[in-house]
Amino acid sequence: MALASTLAREQRAFLGRDRRRWGPHLERIRAFLGEGLAQARGPALVLGAGSGLEVPWALAPPGTAGWDADPLSRLRTLLRHRRWAPWEFGDLTGGMAALGSLALRSARQPWSGRVRATRTATRRLASLIGSLEPDAAPLARWLDAHGPATILAANVMGQFGVLAHRTVEQAFRGCDPWAPGEDDDDPLDAALRDWTARAVGAFLGTLGASGADLWLVHDRGVLFGDARVALGPLAEPWTAQLLATVPLEADDPLCGVDVLKAFPGRELERHQRWVWPVAQGQTHVMEALRVRGAGAAGDPGRPGA
């Protein structure tokens, strides 16, 4: 329930933003995901389905399932698309509950429930987070049971780090767990970024092991400031594409994970990026990848074989 309520709050904040500048982004992501749904061989799985704002459910084959931990996501999709799809509400990281439990044990004295001294607690938590191994187990079990031939990930990986930070903040109940000062090293933030990288890697590994056709859209980067930003020709790393007249403050929501290298031996059929002005002072660089399913017809590694 903690993850569900946290994600519900994040969704409300997201949907409450001024969407007047989102038109080009919504057209691009709907076209990309719509192509994936239209080409799906049987029921597909839409990860990060959300409220249906970015997912053209009219193109989804019958039986296509949605996955979003926000408890209202299925209802919002029904209201937006008149589609009461099969739905899953599990944690795609497979590790958020363990992170929340560890944060609570670190932040509070078990015998009294009182908050420990914040700096002591945060350093304790930072030293222990490395022992956690997010493994995407709920997703792996669902894929083993249902074996969809097509999986769409609709802007979900970039949320892992945000939700991890919110989970830790809830454990401290109003006490700021982050090191003060922009120039100070923050061991807790560094530990959470490492946890996020492992969660993203486990998620991608689970998708790759499914053998399904993959249509992935995610935040490749987040830029802060009011400078106008454009993208040059496709280049690696993604920061080499940025065109701006002033220096930019950039963040990597995937914490160093290179999605392009996550599916060795698989054909990358599509790769594109675009700029999404999410809010004043915050611009996202979006990335869309279409990865062919593993093997060929009759190959045991391919769904339905």
Protein backbone atom coordinates (compact mmCIF):
# COMPACT_ATOMS: atom_id res chain seq x y z
CA MET A 1 0.00 0.00 0.00
CA ALA A 2 2.89 2.41 0.66
CA LEU A 3 4.09 2.15 -2.94
CA ALA A 4 0.54 2.51 -4.28
CA SER A 5 -0.15 5.66 -2.28
CA THR A 6 3.23 7.16 -3.17
CA LEU A 7 2.72 6.52 -6.86
CA ALA A 8 -0.83 7.86 -6.68
CA ARG A 9 0.50 11.14 -5.29
CA GLU A 10 3.17 11.32 -7.99
CA GLN A 11 0.53 10.69 -10.67
CA ARG A 12 -1.71 13.44 -9.30
CA ALA A 13 1.20 15.89 -9.33
CA PHE A 14 2.14 14.82 -12.85
CA LEU A 15 -1.38 15.13 -14.25
CA GLY A 16 -1.86 18.46 -12.48
CA ARG A 17 0.91 20.14 -14.48
CA ASP A 18 0.28 22.52 -17.37
CA ARG A 19 0.03 20.20 -20.38
CA ARG A 20 -0.30 22.85 -23.08
CA ARG A 21 3.30 22.29 -24.24
CA TRP A 22 3.02 18.49 -24.24
CA GLY A 23 1.38 18.17 -27.66
CA PRO A 24 4.44 17.10 -29.71
CA HIS A 25 5.53 14.65 -26.99
CA LEU A 26 2.11 13.04 -26.74
CA GLU A 27 1.89 12.68 -30.51
CA ARG A 28 5.27 10.96 -30.66
CA ILE A 29 4.76 8.57 -27.77
CA ARG A 30 1.22 7.66 -28.80
CA ALA A 31 2.38 6.97 -32.35
CA PHE A 32 5.25 4.79 -31.14
CA LEU A 33 3.23 2.80 -28.60
CA GLY A 34 0.30 2.61 -31.00
CA GLU A 35 2.53 0.99 -33.60
CA GLY A 36 3.63 -1.55 -31.02
CA LEU A 37 0.03 -2.36 -30.08
CA ALA A 38 -1.04 -2.58 -33.72
CA GLN A 39 1.77 -5.04 -34.52
CA ALA A 40 1.28 -7.16 -31.39
CA ARG A 41 0.81 -10.87 -31.98
CA GLY A 42 -1.99 -11.51 -29.52
CA PRO A 43 -2.51 -9.83 -26.12
CA ALA A 44 0.28 -7.47 -25.12
CA LEU A 45 1.49 -6.17 -21.76
CA VAL A 46 1.70 -2.40 -21.15
CA LEU A 47 4.05 -1.57 -18.27
CA GLY A 48 3.57 1.86 -16.70
CA ALA A 49 0.14 2.06 -18.30
CA GLY A 50 -0.89 4.90 -15.98
CA SER A 51 -4.04 6.83 -16.74
CA GLY A 52 -3.91 6.04 -20.46
CA LEU A 53 -2.77 9.54 -21.38
CA GLU A 54 0.13 8.21 -23.48
CA VAL A 55 -1.27 4.78 -24.44
CA PRO A 56 -3.71 4.46 -27.40
CA TRP A 57 -5.78 1.62 -25.98
CA ALA A 58 -8.08 1.56 -29.00
CA LEU A 59 -5.25 -0.18 -30.89
CA ALA A 60 -4.57 -2.80 -28.19
CA PRO A 61 -5.50 -6.41 -29.06
CA PRO A 62 -8.22 -8.00 -26.91
CA GLY A 63 -6.84 -9.27 -23.61
CA THR A 64 -3.99 -6.76 -23.49
CA ALA A 65 -3.06 -6.15 -19.86
CA GLY A 66 -1.94 -2.98 -18.09
CA TRP A 67 0.49 -2.72 -15.19
CA ASP A 68 0.70 0.30 -12.90
CA ALA A 69 1.03 0.43 -9.12
CA ASP A 70 -1.22 3.50 -8.90
CA PRO A 71 -4.53 2.06 -7.57
CA LEU A 72 -6.55 4.50 -9.69
CA SER A 73 -4.76 3.84 -12.98
CA ARG A 74 -7.18 1.19 -14.21
CA LEU A 75 -10.19 3.39 -13.45
CA ARG A 76 -8.62 6.39 -15.21
CA THR A 77 -7.96 4.23 -18.27
CA LEU A 78 -11.59 3.12 -18.22
CA LEU A 79 -12.82 6.71 -18.07
CA ARG A 80 -10.41 7.88 -20.78
CA HIS A 81 -10.68 4.94 -23.19
CA ARG A 82 -13.76 2.94 -22.13
CA ARG A 83 -11.42 -0.03 -21.74
CA TRP A 84 -11.60 -2.17 -18.58
CA ALA A 85 -8.36 -4.03 -19.27
CA PRO A 86 -6.85 -6.82 -17.17
CA TRP A 87 -4.55 -5.08 -14.69
CA GLU A 88 -1.63 -5.70 -12.37
CA PHE A 89 -0.67 -3.41 -9.50
CA GLY A 90 2.64 -4.95 -8.39
CA ASP A 91 6.04 -3.35 -7.86
CA LEU A 92 8.06 -3.56 -11.07
CA THR A 93 11.35 -3.17 -9.19
CA GLY A 94 10.64 -6.10 -6.89
CA GLY A 95 12.48 -4.23 -4.16
CA MET A 96 10.60 -1.11 -3.07
CA ALA A 97 9.03 -2.78 -0.02
CA ALA A 98 12.42 -4.02 1.19
CA LEU A 99 13.86 -0.53 0.70
CA GLY A 100 11.02 1.03 2.68
CA SER A 101 11.40 -1.49 5.49
CA LEU A 102 15.15 -0.89 5.71
CA ALA A 103 14.61 2.88 5.71
CA LEU A 104 12.15 2.59 8.60
CA ARG A 105 14.50 0.40 10.64
CA SER A 106 17.32 2.86 10.01
CA ALA A 107 15.29 6.00 10.72
CA ARG A 108 13.51 4.89 13.90
CA GLN A 109 14.40 3.24 17.16
CA PRO A 110 12.60 -0.13 17.11
CA TRP A 111 11.78 -0.01 20.84
CA SER A 112 10.27 3.49 20.86
CA GLY A 113 9.50 4.45 17.28
CA ARG A 114 11.31 7.75 17.79
CA VAL A 115 13.33 9.15 14.90
CA ARG A 116 17.08 8.71 15.34
CA ALA A 117 19.43 11.64 14.81
CA THR A 118 19.00 12.29 11.11
CA ARG A 119 22.64 12.22 10.02
CA THR A 120 23.31 9.05 12.01
CA ALA A 121 20.25 7.38 10.51
CA THR A 122 21.00 8.39 6.93
CA ARG A 123 24.57 7.17 7.10
CA ARG A 124 23.36 3.91 8.61
CA LEU A 125 20.82 3.52 5.81
CA ALA A 126 23.35 4.42 3.10
CA SER A 127 25.74 1.75 4.37
CA LEU A 128 23.03 -0.94 4.25
CA ILE A 129 21.32 -0.23 0.94
CA GLY A 130 24.05 -2.07 -0.95
CA SER A 131 22.81 -5.33 0.60
CA LEU A 132 19.44 -4.99 -1.15
CA GLU A 133 18.95 -6.70 -4.49
CA PRO A 134 15.89 -5.54 -6.47
CA ASP A 135 15.02 -8.45 -8.75
CA ALA A 136 11.75 -7.66 -10.62
CA ALA A 137 10.39 -10.99 -9.32
CA PRO A 138 6.67 -10.05 -9.58
CA LEU A 139 7.13 -9.16 -13.24
CA ALA A 140 9.14 -12.32 -13.94
CA ARG A 141 6.40 -14.50 -12.41
CA TRP A 142 3.71 -12.76 -14.45
CA LEU A 143 5.66 -13.17 -17.67
CA ASP A 144 6.27 -16.87 -16.95
CA ALA A 145 2.54 -17.36 -16.37
CA HIS A 146 1.24 -15.39 -19.37
CA GLY A 147 4.07 -15.27 -21.92
CA PRO A 148 3.06 -12.16 -23.91
CA ALA A 149 4.75 -11.89 -27.30
CA THR A 150 4.81 -8.08 -27.08
CA ILE A 151 5.71 -5.88 -24.11
CA LEU A 152 5.48 -2.09 -24.05
CA ALA A 153 7.22 -0.10 -21.31
CA ALA A 154 5.53 3.30 -21.24
CA ASN A 155 7.90 5.72 -19.50
CA VAL A 156 8.28 3.66 -16.34
CA MET A 157 12.02 3.12 -15.72
CA GLY A 158 12.69 6.78 -15.08
CA GLN A 159 10.30 6.64 -12.12
CA PHE A 160 12.28 4.03 -10.16
CA GLY A 161 14.67 6.56 -8.66
CA VAL A 162 11.94 9.09 -7.87
CA LEU A 163 9.89 6.46 -6.04
CA ALA A 164 12.97 5.24 -4.15
CA HIS A 165 13.62 8.77 -2.90
CA ARG A 166 9.98 9.23 -1.87
CA THR A 167 10.01 5.87 -0.07
CA VAL A 168 13.02 6.95 2.00
CA GLU A 169 11.54 10.38 2.73
CA GLN A 170 8.35 8.76 4.09
CA ALA A 171 10.40 6.74 6.56
CA PHE A 172 11.84 9.96 8.02
CA ARG A 173 8.40 11.60 8.33
CA GLY A 174 9.25 15.21 7.66
CA CYS A 175 12.92 15.13 8.67
CA ASP A 176 15.10 15.95 5.67
CA PRO A 177 17.35 12.89 5.07
CA TRP A 178 19.51 14.57 2.43
CA ALA A 179 22.89 16.14 3.14
CA PRO A 180 22.61 19.96 3.24
CA GLY A 181 24.43 22.10 0.71
CA GLU A 182 24.79 21.61 -3.02
CA ASP A 183 28.51 20.88 -2.77
CA ASP A 184 28.33 18.30 0.01
CA ASP A 185 28.74 14.63 -0.77
CA ASP A 186 25.55 12.80 0.09
CA PRO A 187 26.19 9.10 0.78
CA LEU A 188 22.47 8.33 0.94
CA ASP A 189 21.79 9.85 -2.47
CA ALA A 190 24.75 7.96 -3.92
CA ALA A 191 23.51 4.69 -2.39
CA LEU A 192 20.01 5.24 -3.81
CA ARG A 193 21.41 5.93 -7.25
CA ASP A 194 23.31 2.65 -7.06
CA TRP A 195 20.10 0.88 -5.95
CA THR A 196 18.22 2.49 -8.84
CA ALA A 197 20.82 1.31 -11.35
CA ARG A 198 20.45 -2.24 -10.04
CA ALA A 199 16.65 -1.99 -10.22
CA VAL A 200 16.74 -0.73 -13.80
CA GLY A 201 19.23 -3.45 -14.75
CA ALA A 202 17.10 -6.19 -13.18
CA PHE A 203 14.00 -4.84 -14.93
CA LEU A 204 15.71 -4.82 -18.32
CA GLY A 205 17.17 -8.28 -17.69
CA THR A 206 13.68 -9.62 -16.98
CA LEU A 207 12.33 -8.07 -20.18
CA GLY A 208 15.19 -9.55 -22.17
CA ALA A 209 14.69 -13.01 -20.68
CA SER A 210 11.05 -12.97 -21.80
CA GLY A 211 12.09 -13.11 -25.45
CA ALA A 212 9.18 -10.81 -26.34
CA ASP A 213 9.14 -7.97 -28.84
CA LEU A 214 9.94 -4.83 -26.83
CA TRP A 215 8.73 -1.27 -27.34
CA LEU A 216 10.44 0.88 -24.72
CA VAL A 217 9.94 4.59 -24.03
CA HIS A 218 11.77 6.18 -21.11
CA ASP A 219 13.44 9.32 -19.78
CA ARG A 220 16.98 9.29 -21.11
CA GLY A 221 17.84 12.53 -19.36
CA VAL A 222 16.37 15.37 -17.32
CA LEU A 223 17.52 18.96 -17.89
CA PHE A 224 17.01 21.81 -15.44
CA GLY A 225 16.87 25.52 -16.19
CA ASP A 226 15.03 27.77 -18.61
CA ALA A 227 17.43 27.61 -21.56
CA ARG A 228 15.93 26.53 -24.87
CA VAL A 229 17.15 23.03 -25.79
CA ALA A 230 17.17 21.17 -29.08
CA LEU A 231 18.68 17.86 -30.19
CA GLY A 232 21.22 17.34 -32.92
CA PRO A 233 21.66 14.07 -34.88
CA LEU A 234 21.44 10.85 -32.86
CA ALA A 235 24.70 10.39 -30.94
CA GLU A 236 26.17 8.59 -27.92
CA PRO A 237 26.23 9.48 -25.14
CA TRP A 238 22.88 11.23 -25.22
CA THR A 239 24.42 14.44 -23.91
CA ALA A 240 26.35 14.75 -27.19
CA GLN A 241 23.04 15.49 -28.92
CA LEU A 242 22.20 18.51 -26.79
CA LEU A 243 22.14 21.86 -28.55
CA ALA A 244 21.93 24.87 -26.24
CA THR A 245 23.49 28.32 -25.99
CA VAL A 246 24.28 28.04 -22.26
CA PRO A 247 25.61 25.26 -20.01
CA LEU A 248 22.91 22.84 -18.87
CA GLU A 249 22.32 21.02 -15.59
CA ALA A 250 21.58 17.43 -16.56
CA ASP A 251 20.57 14.36 -14.58
CA ASP A 252 20.51 10.70 -15.62
CA PRO A 253 17.34 9.05 -14.24
CA LEU A 254 18.68 5.62 -15.27
CA CYS A 255 21.78 6.17 -13.10
CA GLY A 256 24.34 5.04 -15.66
CA VAL A 257 22.50 2.06 -17.17
CA ASP A 258 22.91 1.92 -20.97
CA VAL A 259 19.65 0.53 -22.32
CA LEU A 260 21.20 0.06 -25.76
CA LYS A 261 23.52 -2.59 -24.31
CA ALA A 262 20.86 -4.42 -22.30
CA PHE A 263 19.81 -6.87 -25.03
CA PRO A 264 22.92 -8.42 -26.59
CA GLY A 265 22.25 -10.38 -29.75
CA ARG A 266 18.87 -8.74 -30.27
CA GLU A 267 18.06 -6.55 -33.26
CA LEU A 268 17.50 -2.88 -32.49
CA GLU A 269 14.98 -1.89 -35.14
CA ARG A 270 14.16 1.65 -33.98
CA HIS A 271 15.99 4.26 -31.94
CA GLN A 272 14.82 7.84 -31.58
CA ARG A 273 14.95 10.70 -29.09
CA TRP A 274 13.00 13.91 -28.64
CA VAL A 275 12.62 16.79 -26.19
CA TRP A 276 9.65 16.99 -23.82
CA PRO A 277 9.16 20.27 -21.89
CA VAL A 278 7.49 18.82 -18.79
CA ALA A 279 7.25 22.03 -16.76
CA GLN A 280 8.85 25.42 -16.38
CA GLY A 281 12.55 24.84 -15.79
CA GLN A 282 12.36 21.07 -16.41
CA THR A 283 12.87 19.39 -19.78
CA HIS A 284 13.10 15.65 -20.39
CA VAL A 285 15.02 13.97 -23.19
CA MET A 286 12.92 10.99 -24.20
CA GLU A 287 14.22 7.80 -25.80
CA ALA A 288 12.21 5.19 -27.74
CA LEU A 289 13.61 1.76 -28.63
CA ARG A 290 12.03 -1.06 -30.57
CA VAL A 291 13.86 -4.36 -29.92
CA ARG A 292 13.03 -7.49 -31.90
CA GLY A 293 11.97 -10.60 -30.00
CA ALA A 294 14.61 -13.27 -29.38
CA GLY A 295 14.98 -16.19 -31.76
CA ALA A 296 12.69 -17.13 -34.64
CA ALA A 297 9.55 -19.22 -35.03
CA GLY A 298 10.08 -22.55 -33.35
CA ASP A 299 12.97 -21.26 -31.24
CA PRO A 300 12.38 -22.22 -27.57
CA GLY A 301 13.52 -18.75 -26.59
CA ARG A 302 10.63 -17.09 -28.42
CA PRO A 303 7.19 -16.66 -26.81
CA GLY A 304 4.64 -19.10 -28.14
CA ALA A 305 7.25 -21.59 -29.37
